[in-house]
C-alpha atoms as a PDB file:
ATOM      1  CA  MET A   1      40.583  79.687  10.904  1.00  0.00           C
ATOM      2  CA  ASN A   2      38.865  76.180  10.830  1.00  0.00           C
ATOM      3  CA  ASP A   3      40.283  75.876   7.179  1.00  0.00           C
ATOM      4  CA  LEU A   4      43.761  77.069   8.334  1.00  0.00           C
ATOM      5  CA  PHE A   5      43.880  74.368  11.143  1.00  0.00           C
ATOM      6  CA  THR A   6      42.570  71.558   8.633  1.00  0.00           C
ATOM      7  CA  PHE A   7      45.407  72.572   5.970  1.00  0.00           C
ATOM      8  CA  GLY A   8      47.816  72.434   9.100  1.00  0.00           C
ATOM      9  CA  VAL A   9      46.556  68.919  10.260  1.00  0.00           C
ATOM     10  CA  LEU A  10      46.766  67.773   6.536  1.00  0.00           C
ATOM     11  CA  ALA A  11      50.163  68.958   6.244  1.00  0.00           C
ATOM     12  CA  PHE A  12      51.576  67.682   9.347  1.00  0.00           C
ATOM     13  CA  THR A  13      49.825  63.820   8.684  1.00  0.00           C
ATOM     14  CA  SER A  14      50.939  63.767   5.185  1.00  0.00           C
ATOM     15  CA  PHE A  15      54.519  64.739   5.865  1.00  0.00           C
ATOM     16  CA  PHE A  16      54.925  62.513   8.980  1.00  0.00           C
ATOM     17  CA  THR A  17      53.380  59.595   7.029  1.00  0.00           C
ATOM     18  CA  LEU A  18      55.565  60.092   3.996  1.00  0.00           C
ATOM     19  CA  ILE A  19      58.875  60.670   5.879  1.00  0.00           C
ATOM     20  CA  ASN A  20      58.083  57.719   8.285  1.00  0.00           C
ATOM     21  CA  PRO A  21      60.988  58.525  10.682  1.00  0.00           C
ATOM     22  CA  LEU A  22      60.160  55.326  12.754  1.00  0.00           C
ATOM     23  CA  GLY A  23      60.994  53.722   9.609  1.00  0.00           C
ATOM     24  CA  THR A  24      64.057  55.669   9.037  1.00  0.00           C
ATOM     25  CA  MET A  25      65.397  54.951  12.539  1.00  0.00           C
ATOM     26  CA  PRO A  26      66.750  51.154  12.225  1.00  0.00           C
ATOM     27  CA  ILE A  27      68.517  52.316   9.089  1.00  0.00           C
ATOM     28  CA  PHE A  28      70.101  55.410  10.773  1.00  0.00           C
ATOM     29  CA  MET A  29      71.089  52.855  13.730  1.00  0.00           C
ATOM     30  CA  THR A  30      72.718  50.451  11.317  1.00  0.00           C
ATOM     31  CA  MET A  31      74.571  53.409   9.518  1.00  0.00           C
ATOM     32  CA  THR A  32      75.737  54.943  12.591  1.00  0.00           C
ATOM     33  CA  SER A  33      76.534  51.973  14.992  1.00  0.00           C
ATOM     34  CA  GLY A  34      80.271  52.678  14.498  1.00  0.00           C
ATOM     35  CA  LEU A  35      79.988  56.159  15.701  1.00  0.00           C
ATOM     36  CA  ASP A  36      80.044  57.550  19.403  1.00  0.00           C
ATOM     37  CA  LYS A  37      76.823  59.322  20.906  1.00  0.00           C
ATOM     38  CA  LYS A  38      78.286  62.900  19.866  1.00  0.00           C
ATOM     39  CA  ALA A  39      78.803  61.873  16.238  1.00  0.00           C
ATOM     40  CA  ARG A  40      75.340  60.305  16.143  1.00  0.00           C
ATOM     41  CA  THR A  41      73.750  63.257  17.503  1.00  0.00           C
ATOM     42  CA  LYS A  42      75.512  65.366  15.046  1.00  0.00           C
ATOM     43  CA  THR A  43      74.373  62.989  12.113  1.00  0.00           C
ATOM     44  CA  ALA A  44      70.890  63.166  13.046  1.00  0.00           C
ATOM     45  CA  TYR A  45      70.756  66.760  13.388  1.00  0.00           C
ATOM     46  CA  LYS A  46      72.700  67.603  10.177  1.00  0.00           C
ATOM     47  CA  ALA A  47      70.122  65.035   8.305  1.00  0.00           C
ATOM     48  CA  SER A  48      67.253  66.737   9.825  1.00  0.00           C
ATOM     49  CA  LEU A  49      68.133  70.220   9.041  1.00  0.00           C
ATOM     50  CA  VAL A  50      69.414  69.293   5.262  1.00  0.00           C
ATOM     51  CA  ALA A  51      66.149  67.497   4.748  1.00  0.00           C
ATOM     52  CA  PHE A  52      64.087  70.631   6.028  1.00  0.00           C
ATOM     53  CA  VAL A  53      65.822  73.062   4.063  1.00  0.00           C
ATOM     54  CA  THR A  54      65.484  70.703   1.153  1.00  0.00           C
ATOM     55  CA  ILE A  55      61.754  70.280   1.236  1.00  0.00           C
ATOM     56  CA  VAL A  56      61.281  73.959   2.112  1.00  0.00           C
ATOM     57  CA  ILE A  57      63.154  74.843  -1.202  1.00  0.00           C
ATOM     58  CA  PHE A  58      61.091  72.495  -3.258  1.00  0.00           C
ATOM     59  CA  ALA A  59      57.861  73.670  -1.750  1.00  0.00           C
ATOM     60  CA  PHE A  60      58.693  77.208  -2.998  1.00  0.00           C
ATOM     61  CA  ILE A  61      60.571  76.498  -6.413  1.00  0.00           C
ATOM     62  CA  GLY A  62      60.057  72.796  -6.924  1.00  0.00           C
ATOM     63  CA  GLN A  63      57.442  73.024  -9.671  1.00  0.00           C
ATOM     64  CA  LEU A  64      59.857  75.751 -11.394  1.00  0.00           C
ATOM     65  CA  MET A  65      62.840  73.320 -11.030  1.00  0.00           C
ATOM     66  CA  PHE A  66      60.742  70.312 -12.688  1.00  0.00           C
ATOM     67  CA  LYS A  67      59.886  72.413 -15.600  1.00  0.00           C
ATOM     68  CA  PHE A  68      63.243  73.970 -16.095  1.00  0.00           C
ATOM     69  CA  PHE A  69      65.052  70.777 -16.319  1.00  0.00           C
ATOM     70  CA  GLY A  70      62.378  68.723 -17.759  1.00  0.00           C
ATOM     71  CA  ILE A  71      61.913  66.286 -15.149  1.00  0.00           C
ATOM     72  CA  SER A  72      59.223  64.675 -13.042  1.00  0.00           C
ATOM     73  CA  ALA A  73      58.541  63.215  -9.697  1.00  0.00           C
ATOM     74  CA  ASN A  74      58.271  59.760 -11.504  1.00  0.00           C
ATOM     75  CA  SER A  75      61.938  60.240 -12.537  1.00  0.00           C
ATOM     76  CA  PHE A  76      62.687  61.056  -8.637  1.00  0.00           C
ATOM     77  CA  ARG A  77      61.129  57.825  -7.849  1.00  0.00           C
ATOM     78  CA  ILE A  78      63.012  55.658 -10.291  1.00  0.00           C
ATOM     79  CA  VAL A  79      66.372  57.068  -9.039  1.00  0.00           C
ATOM     80  CA  GLY A  80      65.363  57.028  -5.356  1.00  0.00           C
ATOM     81  CA  GLY A  81      64.459  53.003  -5.978  1.00  0.00           C
ATOM     82  CA  ILE A  82      67.924  52.739  -7.356  1.00  0.00           C
ATOM     83  CA  ILE A  83      69.665  54.173  -4.398  1.00  0.00           C
ATOM     84  CA  PHE A  84      67.452  52.241  -1.991  1.00  0.00           C
ATOM     85  CA  PHE A  85      67.992  49.088  -3.674  1.00  0.00           C
ATOM     86  CA  LEU A  86      71.852  49.331  -3.469  1.00  0.00           C
ATOM     87  CA  MET A  87      71.850  50.611   0.055  1.00  0.00           C
ATOM     88  CA  GLY A  88      69.604  47.502   0.822  1.00  0.00           C
ATOM     89  CA  MET A  89      72.053  45.127  -0.797  1.00  0.00           C
ATOM     90  CA  ASP A  90      74.985  46.523   1.608  1.00  0.00           C
ATOM     91  CA  MET A  91      72.601  46.225   4.374  1.00  0.00           C
ATOM     92  CA  LEU A  92      71.725  42.697   3.575  1.00  0.00           C
ATOM     93  CA  GLN A  93      75.452  41.669   3.529  1.00  0.00           C
ATOM     94  CA  ALA A  94      76.127  43.618   6.739  1.00  0.00           C
ATOM     95  CA  ARG A  95      78.535  45.804   5.051  1.00  0.00           C
ATOM     96  CA  LEU A  96      77.329  48.855   6.749  1.00  0.00           C
ATOM     97  CA  GLY A  97      77.940  47.335  10.129  1.00  0.00           C
ATOM     98  CA  LYS A  98      81.455  46.348   9.301  1.00  0.00           C
ATOM     99  CA  VAL A  99      82.452  50.119   8.573  1.00  0.00           C
ATOM    100  CA  LYS A 100      85.045  51.141  11.165  1.00  0.00           C
ATOM    101  CA  VAL A 101      85.419  54.900  11.175  1.00  0.00           C
ATOM    102  CA  ASN A 102      88.766  56.311  12.628  1.00  0.00           C
ATOM    103  CA  GLU A 103      88.644  59.338  14.409  1.00  0.00           C
ATOM    104  CA  SER A 104      90.270  61.297  11.791  1.00  0.00           C
ATOM    105  CA  GLU A 105      87.407  60.225   9.383  1.00  0.00           C
ATOM    106  CA  VAL A 106      84.535  60.737  11.674  1.00  0.00           C
ATOM    107  CA  LYS A 107      83.777  64.294  10.322  1.00  0.00           C
ATOM    108  CA  LYS A 108      83.695  63.100   6.756  1.00  0.00           C
ATOM    109  CA  TYR A 109      81.656  60.028   7.222  1.00  0.00           C
ATOM    110  CA  VAL A 110      79.076  61.975   9.255  1.00  0.00           C
ATOM    111  CA  ASN A 111      78.911  64.635   6.442  1.00  0.00           C
ATOM    112  CA  ASP A 112      78.705  61.912   3.821  1.00  0.00           C
ATOM    113  CA  ILE A 113      75.951  59.826   5.369  1.00  0.00           C
ATOM    114  CA  SER A 114      73.944  62.852   6.807  1.00  0.00           C
ATOM    115  CA  ILE A 115      73.199  64.322   3.291  1.00  0.00           C
ATOM    116  CA  THR A 116      73.111  61.110   1.342  1.00  0.00           C
ATOM    117  CA  PRO A 117      71.380  58.534   1.918  1.00  0.00           C
ATOM    118  CA  LEU A 118      69.821  59.905   5.097  1.00  0.00           C
ATOM    119  CA  ALA A 119      68.578  63.402   4.294  1.00  0.00           C
ATOM    120  CA  ILE A 120      68.318  62.867   0.742  1.00  0.00           C
ATOM    121  CA  PRO A 121      66.425  60.555  -0.278  1.00  0.00           C
ATOM    122  CA  MET A 122      65.486  58.543   2.985  1.00  0.00           C
ATOM    123  CA  ILE A 123      63.915  61.636   4.822  1.00  0.00           C
ATOM    124  CA  ALA A 124      63.459  64.139   1.826  1.00  0.00           C
ATOM    125  CA  GLY A 125      62.381  61.642  -0.611  1.00  0.00           C
ATOM    126  CA  PRO A 126      60.206  61.925  -3.922  1.00  0.00           C
ATOM    127  CA  GLY A 127      56.981  61.418  -1.745  1.00  0.00           C
ATOM    128  CA  SER A 128      57.607  64.412   0.703  1.00  0.00           C
ATOM    129  CA  LEU A 129      58.947  66.652  -2.021  1.00  0.00           C
ATOM    130  CA  THR A 130      56.143  66.022  -4.322  1.00  0.00           C
ATOM    131  CA  ASN A 131      53.679  66.465  -1.321  1.00  0.00           C
ATOM    132  CA  ALA A 132      55.529  69.875  -0.430  1.00  0.00           C
ATOM    133  CA  ILE A 133      55.104  71.184  -4.108  1.00  0.00           C
ATOM    134  CA  VAL A 134      51.344  70.216  -4.457  1.00  0.00           C
ATOM    135  CA  LEU A 135      50.416  71.551  -0.890  1.00  0.00           C
ATOM    136  CA  MET A 136      52.390  74.801  -1.836  1.00  0.00           C
ATOM    137  CA  GLU A 137      50.235  75.154  -4.793  1.00  0.00           C
ATOM    138  CA  ASP A 138      46.903  74.273  -2.518  1.00  0.00           C
ATOM    139  CA  ALA A 139      48.069  77.190  -0.444  1.00  0.00           C
ATOM    140  CA  THR A 140      45.745  80.167  -1.084  1.00  0.00           C
ATOM    141  CA  GLY A 141      47.518  82.655   0.958  1.00  0.00           C
ATOM    142  CA  THR A 142      50.444  83.631   3.314  1.00  0.00           C
ATOM    143  CA  PRO A 143      48.860  82.138   6.383  1.00  0.00           C
ATOM    144  CA  GLN A 144      48.684  78.646   4.828  1.00  0.00           C
ATOM    145  CA  LYS A 145      52.175  78.852   3.611  1.00  0.00           C
ATOM    146  CA  ILE A 146      53.419  79.672   6.990  1.00  0.00           C
ATOM    147  CA  VAL A 147      51.393  76.720   8.636  1.00  0.00           C
ATOM    148  CA  LEU A 148      52.897  74.607   5.674  1.00  0.00           C
ATOM    149  CA  VAL A 149      56.274  75.748   6.714  1.00  0.00           C
ATOM    150  CA  ALA A 150      55.627  75.235  10.624  1.00  0.00           C
ATOM    151  CA  SER A 151      54.309  71.714   9.447  1.00  0.00           C
ATOM    152  CA  ILE A 152      57.441  70.725   7.909  1.00  0.00           C
ATOM    153  CA  PHE A 153      59.598  71.911  10.700  1.00  0.00           C
ATOM    154  CA  VAL A 154      57.453  70.207  13.355  1.00  0.00           C
ATOM    155  CA  VAL A 155      57.796  66.908  11.323  1.00  0.00           C
ATOM    156  CA  MET A 156      61.618  67.407  11.055  1.00  0.00           C
ATOM    157  CA  LEU A 157      61.888  68.215  14.824  1.00  0.00           C
ATOM    158  CA  LEU A 158      60.165  64.795  15.588  1.00  0.00           C
ATOM    159  CA  THR A 159      62.474  63.125  13.243  1.00  0.00           C
ATOM    160  CA  TYR A 160      65.712  64.515  14.768  1.00  0.00           C
ATOM    161  CA  LEU A 161      64.261  63.524  18.310  1.00  0.00           C
ATOM    162  CA  ILE A 162      63.419  59.787  16.932  1.00  0.00           C
ATOM    163  CA  LEU A 163      66.797  59.315  15.424  1.00  0.00           C
ATOM    164  CA  PHE A 164      68.484  60.878  18.412  1.00  0.00           C
ATOM    165  CA  SER A 165      66.757  58.362  20.936  1.00  0.00           C
ATOM    166  CA  SER A 166      68.147  55.371  18.752  1.00  0.00           C
ATOM    167  CA  SER A 167      71.474  55.604  20.692  1.00  0.00           C
ATOM    168  CA  LYS A 168      69.723  54.001  23.538  1.00  0.00           C
ATOM    169  CA  ILE A 169      68.257  51.210  21.171  1.00  0.00           C
ATOM    170  CA  ILE A 170      71.768  50.331  19.894  1.00  0.00           C
ATOM    171  CA  LYS A 171      73.009  49.921  23.342  1.00  0.00           C
ATOM    172  CA  LEU A 172      70.121  47.420  24.248  1.00  0.00           C
ATOM    173  CA  LEU A 173      70.770  45.398  20.916  1.00  0.00           C
ATOM    174  CA  GLY A 174      74.526  45.031  21.088  1.00  0.00           C
ATOM    175  CA  GLU A 175      76.504  43.975  18.044  1.00  0.00           C
ATOM    176  CA  THR A 176      74.796  40.843  17.114  1.00  0.00           C
ATOM    177  CA  GLY A 177      71.307  42.137  17.356  1.00  0.00           C
ATOM    178  CA  ASN A 178      72.539  45.240  15.407  1.00  0.00           C
ATOM    179  CA  ASN A 179      73.370  43.161  12.588  1.00  0.00           C
ATOM    180  CA  VAL A 180      70.359  40.896  12.625  1.00  0.00           C
ATOM    181  CA  LEU A 181      68.188  44.212  12.547  1.00  0.00           C
ATOM    182  CA  MET A 182      70.327  45.558   9.615  1.00  0.00           C
ATOM    183  CA  ARG A 183      69.765  42.352   7.400  1.00  0.00           C
ATOM    184  CA  ILE A 184      66.117  42.523   8.073  1.00  0.00           C
ATOM    185  CA  MET A 185      66.014  46.181   7.339  1.00  0.00           C
ATOM    186  CA  GLY A 186      67.961  45.453   4.198  1.00  0.00           C
ATOM    187  CA  LEU A 187      65.354  43.235   2.954  1.00  0.00           C
ATOM    188  CA  ILE A 188      62.667  45.684   3.607  1.00  0.00           C
ATOM    189  CA  VAL A 189      64.478  48.478   1.962  1.00  0.00           C
ATOM    190  CA  MET A 190      65.211  46.324  -1.122  1.00  0.00           C
ATOM    191  CA  VAL A 191      61.280  45.830  -1.192  1.00  0.00           C
ATOM    192  CA  ILE A 192      60.697  49.500  -0.956  1.00  0.00           C
ATOM    193  CA  ALA A 193      63.213  50.247  -3.696  1.00  0.00           C
ATOM    194  CA  VAL A 194      61.388  47.939  -5.999  1.00  0.00           C
ATOM    195  CA  GLU A 195      58.016  49.792  -5.351  1.00  0.00           C
ATOM    196  CA  PHE A 196      59.451  53.040  -5.776  1.00  0.00           C
ATOM    197  CA  PHE A 197      61.146  51.949  -8.876  1.00  0.00           C
ATOM    198  CA  PHE A 198      58.059  50.580 -10.518  1.00  0.00           C
ATOM    199  CA  SER A 199      55.781  53.188  -9.231  1.00  0.00           C
ATOM    200  CA  GLY A 200      57.824  55.828 -11.146  1.00  0.00           C
ATOM    201  CA  LEU A 201      58.685  53.446 -14.103  1.00  0.00           C
ATOM    202  CA  LYS A 202      54.774  52.338 -14.707  1.00  0.00           C
ATOM    203  CA  PRO A 203      53.377  55.983 -15.693  1.00  0.00           C
ATOM    204  CA  ILE A 204      56.360  56.739 -17.910  1.00  0.00           C
ATOM    205  CA  VAL A 205      55.913  53.371 -19.723  1.00  0.00           C
ATOM    206  CA  ILE A 206      52.090  54.137 -19.967  1.00  0.00           C
ATOM    207  CA  ASP A 207      52.812  57.332 -21.542  1.00  0.00           C
ATOM    208  CA  MET A 208      55.071  55.977 -24.062  1.00  0.00           C
ATOM    209  CA  LEU A 209      52.611  53.450 -25.146  1.00  0.00           C
ATOM    210  CA  LYS A 210      50.168  56.056 -25.623  1.00  0.00           C
END
């Protein structure tokens, strides 16, 4: 029982740290600033749901997918870094804040950003996907696998609640505050992108040199 509890704590803390919903919230706020509360809530719900399904799928069949397609977690980090960098450039120039969504385009816009980049790779990124694969391999029995899935679900629920509460913060900041925050987060996202890119590139280069 103690081993099961320890495994659950490990799973929860590792996923919460890697997903970092508090760090995702400012980006979510800037990308949904042109939407009403209902649309933002729907975006948060869909992004959390898609991320949950993606992480669980990778937990069970991720290793097989990696082997089948001949790809690695490092490749995921490189691609994630490129996506983050391009998104950071847009945020730095306040392009995301200038997006005005018509009522007829709200549904399409919500579907677009809730899947990419919010669900993948912001929430279900290379780190959380790799973590899911590793922990599933460490799970020795059905109880631990159930605890792992439950831990992922709890983290996704917390992520949804944190993103949902961003609506109140948007009202407090106003348009000027939102644009300032977006530019600051743009710089941070670009730094994260560089770290992601080179953390994936370095092992590949070392293998090539060997």
